[in-house]
Amino acid sequence: MDVRIIQSPSEGTFSILNRRKGSGPGHKIEVPGAIGLVQGKLIEMVCAADIAEKAVGVTVEDIRGSCPQNMIMLAIFGDMASVKAALDEIVRKDKEMGKQW
């Protein structure tokens, strides 16, 4: 699983993600203070979305793309502190689950 964070995203970056989000560009999200990006297998991304939404007040969207390896990407929108907290929790739980399996 790959995890990245974009602080104060540019209008262009936000526009790219807005066009590709699963709910479509018609579902409005204000330009956030930060965007967390998480990419991995479908099972990991469903769990990551659940973890992020339960951890803090963020908006999670799947980002549509074409990847021959069937990787899925999530964008986590919110203020910097909330997005960082959500990503930290995703990474922590992923490591925890890896030890259990």
Protein backbone atom coordinates (compact mmCIF):
# COMPACT_ATOMS: atom_id res chain seq x y z
CA MET A 1 0.00 0.00 0.00
CA ASP A 2 1.35 3.45 -0.95
CA VAL A 3 0.40 6.52 1.07
CA ARG A 4 1.05 10.19 0.22
CA ILE A 5 -0.23 13.55 1.44
CA ILE A 6 -0.62 16.82 -0.45
CA GLN A 7 -0.74 19.94 1.71
CA SER A 8 -2.58 22.94 0.26
CA PRO A 9 -3.34 21.26 -3.09
CA SER A 10 -3.27 23.43 -6.19
CA GLU A 11 -6.48 24.09 -8.12
CA GLY A 12 -5.17 21.92 -10.96
CA THR A 13 -4.42 18.96 -8.70
CA PHE A 14 -7.81 19.25 -7.04
CA SER A 15 -9.46 19.51 -10.47
CA ILE A 16 -7.80 16.27 -11.66
CA LEU A 17 -9.02 14.37 -8.62
CA ASN A 18 -12.47 15.98 -8.73
CA ARG A 19 -13.00 14.78 -12.32
CA ARG A 20 -11.87 11.23 -11.47
CA LYS A 21 -13.65 10.69 -8.15
CA GLY A 22 -16.22 7.92 -7.95
CA SER A 23 -19.14 10.19 -7.10
CA GLY A 24 -18.35 12.31 -10.15
CA PRO A 25 -17.57 16.01 -10.52
CA GLY A 26 -21.21 16.93 -9.78
CA HIS A 27 -20.81 15.89 -6.14
CA LYS A 28 -19.20 19.04 -4.75
CA ILE A 29 -16.25 19.00 -2.37
CA GLU A 30 -14.68 22.31 -1.40
CA VAL A 31 -10.95 22.68 -2.07
CA PRO A 32 -9.50 21.07 1.06
CA GLY A 33 -6.49 22.02 3.17
CA ALA A 34 -4.97 18.64 2.37
CA ILE A 35 -5.53 15.51 0.32
CA GLY A 36 -4.34 12.07 1.38
CA LEU A 37 -3.75 9.55 -1.39
CA VAL A 38 -3.76 5.83 -0.67
CA GLN A 39 -3.23 3.19 -3.35
CA GLY A 40 -3.41 -0.56 -3.01
CA LYS A 41 -5.51 -3.66 -3.57
CA LEU A 42 -9.30 -3.34 -3.48
CA ILE A 43 -9.59 -5.15 -0.15
CA GLU A 44 -7.01 -2.80 1.40
CA MET A 45 -8.76 0.28 0.03
CA VAL A 46 -12.20 -0.69 1.35
CA CYS A 47 -10.66 -1.21 4.79
CA ALA A 48 -8.66 2.04 4.49
CA ALA A 49 -11.79 4.03 3.64
CA ASP A 50 -13.58 2.60 6.67
CA ILE A 51 -10.64 3.34 8.97
CA ALA A 52 -10.29 6.94 7.71
CA GLU A 53 -13.97 7.77 8.08
CA LYS A 54 -14.14 6.26 11.57
CA ALA A 55 -10.94 7.97 12.73
CA VAL A 56 -11.74 11.61 11.94
CA GLY A 57 -14.07 13.88 9.98
CA VAL A 58 -12.76 13.43 6.45
CA THR A 59 -14.38 12.77 3.08
CA VAL A 60 -13.18 9.66 1.26
CA GLU A 61 -13.62 9.12 -2.48
CA ASP A 62 -12.42 6.36 -4.77
CA ILE A 63 -10.41 7.73 -7.69
CA ARG A 64 -11.06 6.14 -11.04
CA GLY A 65 -8.16 5.27 -13.28
CA SER A 66 -6.84 2.53 -15.47
CA CYS A 67 -4.14 0.42 -13.93
CA PRO A 68 -3.15 -2.94 -15.40
CA GLN A 69 -2.26 -4.21 -11.92
CA ASN A 70 -5.84 -3.57 -10.69
CA MET A 71 -4.68 -1.11 -8.05
CA ILE A 72 -7.26 1.19 -6.56
CA MET A 73 -6.70 4.72 -5.23
CA LEU A 74 -8.54 6.66 -2.56
CA ALA A 75 -8.44 10.40 -2.00
CA ILE A 76 -9.04 11.59 1.54
CA PHE A 77 -10.15 15.22 1.67
CA GLY A 78 -10.03 17.44 4.75
CA ASP A 79 -7.92 19.80 6.80
CA MET A 80 -4.24 18.91 7.25
CA ALA A 81 -4.56 17.59 10.81
CA SER A 82 -7.55 15.37 9.98
CA VAL A 83 -6.03 13.95 6.80
CA LYS A 84 -2.74 13.23 8.58
CA ALA A 85 -4.60 11.55 11.46
CA ALA A 86 -6.60 9.43 9.00
CA LEU A 87 -3.45 8.35 7.09
CA ASP A 88 -1.58 7.60 10.32
CA GLU A 89 -4.46 5.41 11.49
CA ILE A 90 -4.62 3.58 8.13
CA VAL A 91 -0.88 2.82 8.28
CA ARG A 92 -1.07 1.76 11.93
CA LYS A 93 -4.02 -0.58 11.37
CA ASP A 94 -2.46 -2.02 8.20
CA LYS A 95 0.69 -2.95 10.14
CA GLU A 96 -1.42 -4.34 12.97
CA MET A 97 -3.51 -6.48 10.61
CA GLY A 98 -0.40 -7.72 8.79
CA LYS A 99 0.87 -9.22 12.02
CA GLN A 100 -2.46 -10.93 12.70
CA TRP A 101 -2.66 -12.71 9.35
